[in-house]
Amino acid sequence: MSEDLKQYISEHKNLFWYTPENKLYNISNSFLVETILNYGDMNAVRNLFEIMGIENVAKIFFDNVNMSERRKNNYNELTLNYFTILFNRYVH
């Protein structure tokens, strides 16, 4: 995990309140994207795009959504709709 990503997680660790402190920097990119898109504000989302790249975030998002119905249901309905439209418009 890059130092930028570690710093980013530190700045938004309140969104990962259920993740033990000693495991905070071992989370997967999939979990990071899911949490930020579901619970982060727009500044957190923009910062994530800057650090990981919008194309990479979109790929992780669609991989999660297409993996299984259970994984798709991890996203809030409005979040799923919004980011599907956004990524289809600006990435694909």
N, C-alpha and C. Protein backbone atom coordinates (compact mmCIF):
# COMPACT_ATOMS: atom_id res chain seq x y z
N MET A 1 0.85 -1.17 0.00
CA MET A 1 0.00 0.00 0.00
C MET A 1 0.89 1.23 0.00
N SER A 2 0.57 2.18 -0.87
CA SER A 2 1.38 3.38 -1.00
C SER A 2 1.23 4.28 0.23
N GLU A 3 2.19 5.14 0.41
CA GLU A 3 2.15 6.09 1.53
C GLU A 3 0.98 7.05 1.38
N ASP A 4 0.68 7.45 0.13
CA ASP A 4 -0.47 8.33 -0.11
C ASP A 4 -1.77 7.67 0.33
N LEU A 5 -1.90 6.39 0.03
CA LEU A 5 -3.11 5.65 0.41
C LEU A 5 -3.19 5.48 1.93
N LYS A 6 -2.06 5.23 2.57
CA LYS A 6 -2.04 5.13 4.03
C LYS A 6 -2.45 6.45 4.67
N GLN A 7 -1.94 7.55 4.14
CA GLN A 7 -2.29 8.88 4.64
C GLN A 7 -3.78 9.14 4.44
N TYR A 8 -4.28 8.75 3.28
CA TYR A 8 -5.70 8.92 2.97
C TYR A 8 -6.58 8.14 3.95
N ILE A 9 -6.21 6.90 4.22
CA ILE A 9 -6.96 6.08 5.17
C ILE A 9 -6.90 6.71 6.56
N SER A 10 -5.75 7.22 6.96
CA SER A 10 -5.63 7.88 8.26
C SER A 10 -6.57 9.08 8.37
N GLU A 11 -6.68 9.83 7.30
CA GLU A 11 -7.54 11.00 7.29
C GLU A 11 -9.03 10.63 7.35
N HIS A 12 -9.36 9.42 6.90
CA HIS A 12 -10.77 9.00 6.86
C HIS A 12 -11.03 7.77 7.72
N LYS A 13 -10.21 7.57 8.74
CA LYS A 13 -10.35 6.36 9.54
C LYS A 13 -11.65 6.30 10.31
N ASN A 14 -12.32 7.43 10.48
CA ASN A 14 -13.63 7.40 11.14
C ASN A 14 -14.65 6.59 10.33
N LEU A 15 -14.44 6.45 9.03
CA LEU A 15 -15.33 5.65 8.20
C LEU A 15 -15.07 4.16 8.36
N PHE A 16 -13.93 3.82 8.93
CA PHE A 16 -13.54 2.42 9.16
C PHE A 16 -13.57 2.09 10.65
N TRP A 17 -14.53 2.63 11.35
CA TRP A 17 -14.60 2.52 12.80
C TRP A 17 -14.65 1.08 13.28
N TYR A 18 -15.14 0.17 12.47
CA TYR A 18 -15.27 -1.24 12.86
C TYR A 18 -14.05 -2.07 12.50
N THR A 19 -13.06 -1.45 11.88
CA THR A 19 -11.82 -2.13 11.53
C THR A 19 -10.81 -1.88 12.64
N PRO A 20 -10.22 -2.93 13.20
CA PRO A 20 -9.22 -2.73 14.26
C PRO A 20 -8.06 -1.86 13.77
N GLU A 21 -7.59 -1.02 14.63
CA GLU A 21 -6.51 -0.07 14.30
C GLU A 21 -5.30 -0.77 13.69
N ASN A 22 -4.93 -1.93 14.22
CA ASN A 22 -3.73 -2.62 13.72
C ASN A 22 -3.95 -3.28 12.36
N LYS A 23 -5.19 -3.32 11.86
CA LYS A 23 -5.48 -3.91 10.55
C LYS A 23 -5.92 -2.86 9.54
N LEU A 24 -5.90 -1.62 9.94
CA LEU A 24 -6.41 -0.54 9.11
C LEU A 24 -5.67 -0.43 7.77
N TYR A 25 -4.38 -0.66 7.76
CA TYR A 25 -3.61 -0.50 6.53
C TYR A 25 -3.49 -1.81 5.75
N ASN A 26 -4.20 -2.83 6.19
CA ASN A 26 -4.21 -4.11 5.49
C ASN A 26 -5.51 -4.36 4.75
N ILE A 27 -6.39 -3.35 4.68
CA ILE A 27 -7.66 -3.54 4.01
C ILE A 27 -7.43 -3.64 2.50
N SER A 28 -8.33 -4.32 1.84
CA SER A 28 -8.20 -4.47 0.38
C SER A 28 -8.68 -3.20 -0.32
N ASN A 29 -8.23 -3.02 -1.54
CA ASN A 29 -8.70 -1.90 -2.35
C ASN A 29 -10.20 -1.98 -2.57
N SER A 30 -10.70 -3.19 -2.68
CA SER A 30 -12.13 -3.41 -2.86
C SER A 30 -12.92 -2.87 -1.67
N PHE A 31 -12.47 -3.19 -0.48
CA PHE A 31 -13.12 -2.72 0.74
C PHE A 31 -13.00 -1.21 0.87
N LEU A 32 -11.84 -0.67 0.53
CA LEU A 32 -11.61 0.77 0.59
C LEU A 32 -12.59 1.50 -0.32
N VAL A 33 -12.68 1.07 -1.57
CA VAL A 33 -13.56 1.72 -2.53
C VAL A 33 -15.02 1.62 -2.07
N GLU A 34 -15.42 0.44 -1.65
CA GLU A 34 -16.80 0.23 -1.20
C GLU A 34 -17.14 1.17 -0.05
N THR A 35 -16.26 1.28 0.93
CA THR A 35 -16.51 2.11 2.10
C THR A 35 -16.57 3.59 1.73
N ILE A 36 -15.62 4.05 0.95
CA ILE A 36 -15.58 5.47 0.59
C ILE A 36 -16.78 5.84 -0.28
N LEU A 37 -17.11 5.02 -1.26
CA LEU A 37 -18.25 5.36 -2.12
C LEU A 37 -19.56 5.33 -1.34
N ASN A 38 -19.69 4.42 -0.41
CA ASN A 38 -20.92 4.33 0.39
C ASN A 38 -21.04 5.42 1.45
N TYR A 39 -19.95 5.73 2.14
CA TYR A 39 -20.04 6.56 3.33
C TYR A 39 -19.23 7.85 3.30
N GLY A 40 -18.34 7.99 2.34
CA GLY A 40 -17.53 9.20 2.26
C GLY A 40 -18.30 10.36 1.66
N ASP A 41 -17.82 11.57 1.92
CA ASP A 41 -18.42 12.73 1.27
C ASP A 41 -17.75 12.93 -0.09
N MET A 42 -18.20 13.91 -0.84
CA MET A 42 -17.67 14.09 -2.20
C MET A 42 -16.19 14.45 -2.21
N ASN A 43 -15.72 15.16 -1.18
CA ASN A 43 -14.29 15.46 -1.11
C ASN A 43 -13.48 14.18 -0.93
N ALA A 44 -13.99 13.26 -0.11
CA ALA A 44 -13.31 11.98 0.09
C ALA A 44 -13.28 11.19 -1.22
N VAL A 45 -14.38 11.23 -1.95
CA VAL A 45 -14.45 10.51 -3.23
C VAL A 45 -13.47 11.13 -4.23
N ARG A 46 -13.46 12.45 -4.34
CA ARG A 46 -12.53 13.12 -5.26
C ARG A 46 -11.08 12.80 -4.91
N ASN A 47 -10.76 12.82 -3.62
CA ASN A 47 -9.40 12.50 -3.19
C ASN A 47 -9.04 11.07 -3.54
N LEU A 48 -9.99 10.16 -3.39
CA LEU A 48 -9.76 8.77 -3.76
C LEU A 48 -9.46 8.65 -5.26
N PHE A 49 -10.22 9.39 -6.07
CA PHE A 49 -9.98 9.39 -7.52
C PHE A 49 -8.58 9.92 -7.84
N GLU A 50 -8.14 10.94 -7.11
CA GLU A 50 -6.81 11.51 -7.34
C GLU A 50 -5.71 10.50 -6.99
N ILE A 51 -5.89 9.79 -5.90
CA ILE A 51 -4.86 8.87 -5.43
C ILE A 51 -4.84 7.58 -6.25
N MET A 52 -6.01 6.99 -6.45
CA MET A 52 -6.09 5.69 -7.13
C MET A 52 -6.35 5.80 -8.62
N GLY A 53 -6.86 6.93 -9.05
CA GLY A 53 -7.25 7.11 -10.44
C GLY A 53 -8.70 6.68 -10.63
N ILE A 54 -9.46 7.50 -11.34
CA ILE A 54 -10.88 7.21 -11.51
C ILE A 54 -11.10 5.91 -12.27
N GLU A 55 -10.21 5.60 -13.23
CA GLU A 55 -10.35 4.36 -14.00
C GLU A 55 -10.19 3.14 -13.10
N ASN A 56 -9.22 3.19 -12.21
CA ASN A 56 -8.98 2.08 -11.28
C ASN A 56 -10.14 1.92 -10.30
N VAL A 57 -10.65 3.03 -9.78
CA VAL A 57 -11.79 2.98 -8.86
C VAL A 57 -13.00 2.41 -9.58
N ALA A 58 -13.23 2.84 -10.81
CA ALA A 58 -14.36 2.32 -11.60
C ALA A 58 -14.21 0.82 -11.83
N LYS A 59 -13.02 0.36 -12.14
CA LYS A 59 -12.79 -1.08 -12.36
C LYS A 59 -13.10 -1.87 -11.09
N ILE A 60 -12.60 -1.39 -9.96
CA ILE A 60 -12.85 -2.07 -8.68
C ILE A 60 -14.35 -2.08 -8.38
N PHE A 61 -15.01 -0.95 -8.61
CA PHE A 61 -16.45 -0.85 -8.37
C PHE A 61 -17.22 -1.86 -9.23
N PHE A 62 -16.96 -1.88 -10.52
CA PHE A 62 -17.69 -2.80 -11.40
C PHE A 62 -17.33 -4.26 -11.14
N ASP A 63 -16.08 -4.52 -10.77
CA ASP A 63 -15.70 -5.89 -10.40
C ASP A 63 -16.50 -6.35 -9.19
N ASN A 64 -16.64 -5.48 -8.21
CA ASN A 64 -17.43 -5.80 -7.01
C ASN A 64 -18.90 -6.03 -7.36
N VAL A 65 -19.46 -5.13 -8.13
CA VAL A 65 -20.88 -5.19 -8.45
C VAL A 65 -21.20 -6.42 -9.29
N ASN A 66 -20.30 -6.78 -10.19
CA ASN A 66 -20.55 -7.90 -11.10
C ASN A 66 -20.13 -9.25 -10.52
N MET A 67 -19.44 -9.24 -9.38
CA MET A 67 -18.95 -10.48 -8.79
C MET A 67 -20.09 -11.36 -8.31
N SER A 68 -21.00 -10.77 -7.57
CA SER A 68 -22.14 -11.54 -7.05
C SER A 68 -23.22 -10.57 -6.60
N GLU A 69 -24.41 -11.10 -6.45
CA GLU A 69 -25.52 -10.29 -5.97
C GLU A 69 -25.27 -9.81 -4.55
N ARG A 70 -24.62 -10.65 -3.75
CA ARG A 70 -24.29 -10.29 -2.37
C ARG A 70 -23.35 -9.09 -2.34
N ARG A 71 -22.31 -9.13 -3.17
CA ARG A 71 -21.36 -8.01 -3.21
C ARG A 71 -22.03 -6.74 -3.74
N LYS A 72 -22.91 -6.92 -4.72
CA LYS A 72 -23.65 -5.78 -5.26
C LYS A 72 -24.50 -5.14 -4.17
N ASN A 73 -25.09 -5.94 -3.32
CA ASN A 73 -25.94 -5.43 -2.25
C ASN A 73 -25.17 -4.75 -1.13
N ASN A 74 -23.84 -4.83 -1.15
CA ASN A 74 -23.03 -4.10 -0.18
C ASN A 74 -23.10 -2.60 -0.41
N TYR A 75 -23.47 -2.20 -1.63
CA TYR A 75 -23.59 -0.79 -1.96
C TYR A 75 -25.02 -0.32 -1.69
N ASN A 76 -25.13 0.88 -1.14
CA ASN A 76 -26.45 1.49 -1.00
C ASN A 76 -27.06 1.65 -2.38
N GLU A 77 -28.38 1.58 -2.46
CA GLU A 77 -29.06 1.65 -3.75
C GLU A 77 -28.74 2.94 -4.51
N LEU A 78 -28.78 4.06 -3.81
CA LEU A 78 -28.48 5.35 -4.46
C LEU A 78 -27.02 5.45 -4.87
N THR A 79 -26.15 4.92 -4.03
CA THR A 79 -24.71 4.92 -4.34
C THR A 79 -24.46 4.09 -5.60
N LEU A 80 -25.05 2.93 -5.65
CA LEU A 80 -24.89 2.04 -6.80
C LEU A 80 -25.37 2.73 -8.07
N ASN A 81 -26.52 3.33 -8.02
CA ASN A 81 -27.06 4.02 -9.20
C ASN A 81 -26.19 5.20 -9.62
N TYR A 82 -25.81 6.04 -8.66
CA TYR A 82 -25.03 7.24 -8.96
C TYR A 82 -23.69 6.89 -9.60
N PHE A 83 -22.94 5.98 -8.97
CA PHE A 83 -21.61 5.68 -9.48
C PHE A 83 -21.65 4.84 -10.75
N THR A 84 -22.69 4.06 -10.95
CA THR A 84 -22.84 3.35 -12.22
C THR A 84 -22.98 4.36 -13.35
N ILE A 85 -23.83 5.36 -13.16
CA ILE A 85 -24.04 6.40 -14.17
C ILE A 85 -22.76 7.20 -14.37
N LEU A 86 -22.13 7.63 -13.27
CA LEU A 86 -20.92 8.45 -13.35
C LEU A 86 -19.79 7.72 -14.08
N PHE A 87 -19.52 6.48 -13.69
CA PHE A 87 -18.42 5.74 -14.31
C PHE A 87 -18.73 5.39 -15.76
N ASN A 88 -19.97 5.07 -16.06
CA ASN A 88 -20.32 4.78 -17.46
C ASN A 88 -20.16 6.02 -18.33
N ARG A 89 -20.41 7.17 -17.77
CA ARG A 89 -20.32 8.40 -18.54
C ARG A 89 -18.87 8.87 -18.72
N TYR A 90 -18.07 8.80 -17.67
CA TYR A 90 -16.74 9.41 -17.70
C TYR A 90 -15.58 8.42 -17.85
N VAL A 91 -15.84 7.14 -17.68
CA VAL A 91 -14.73 6.18 -17.76
C VAL A 91 -14.89 5.27 -18.96
N HIS A 92 -16.08 4.78 -19.21
CA HIS A 92 -16.27 3.82 -20.32
C HIS A 92 -16.55 4.53 -21.60
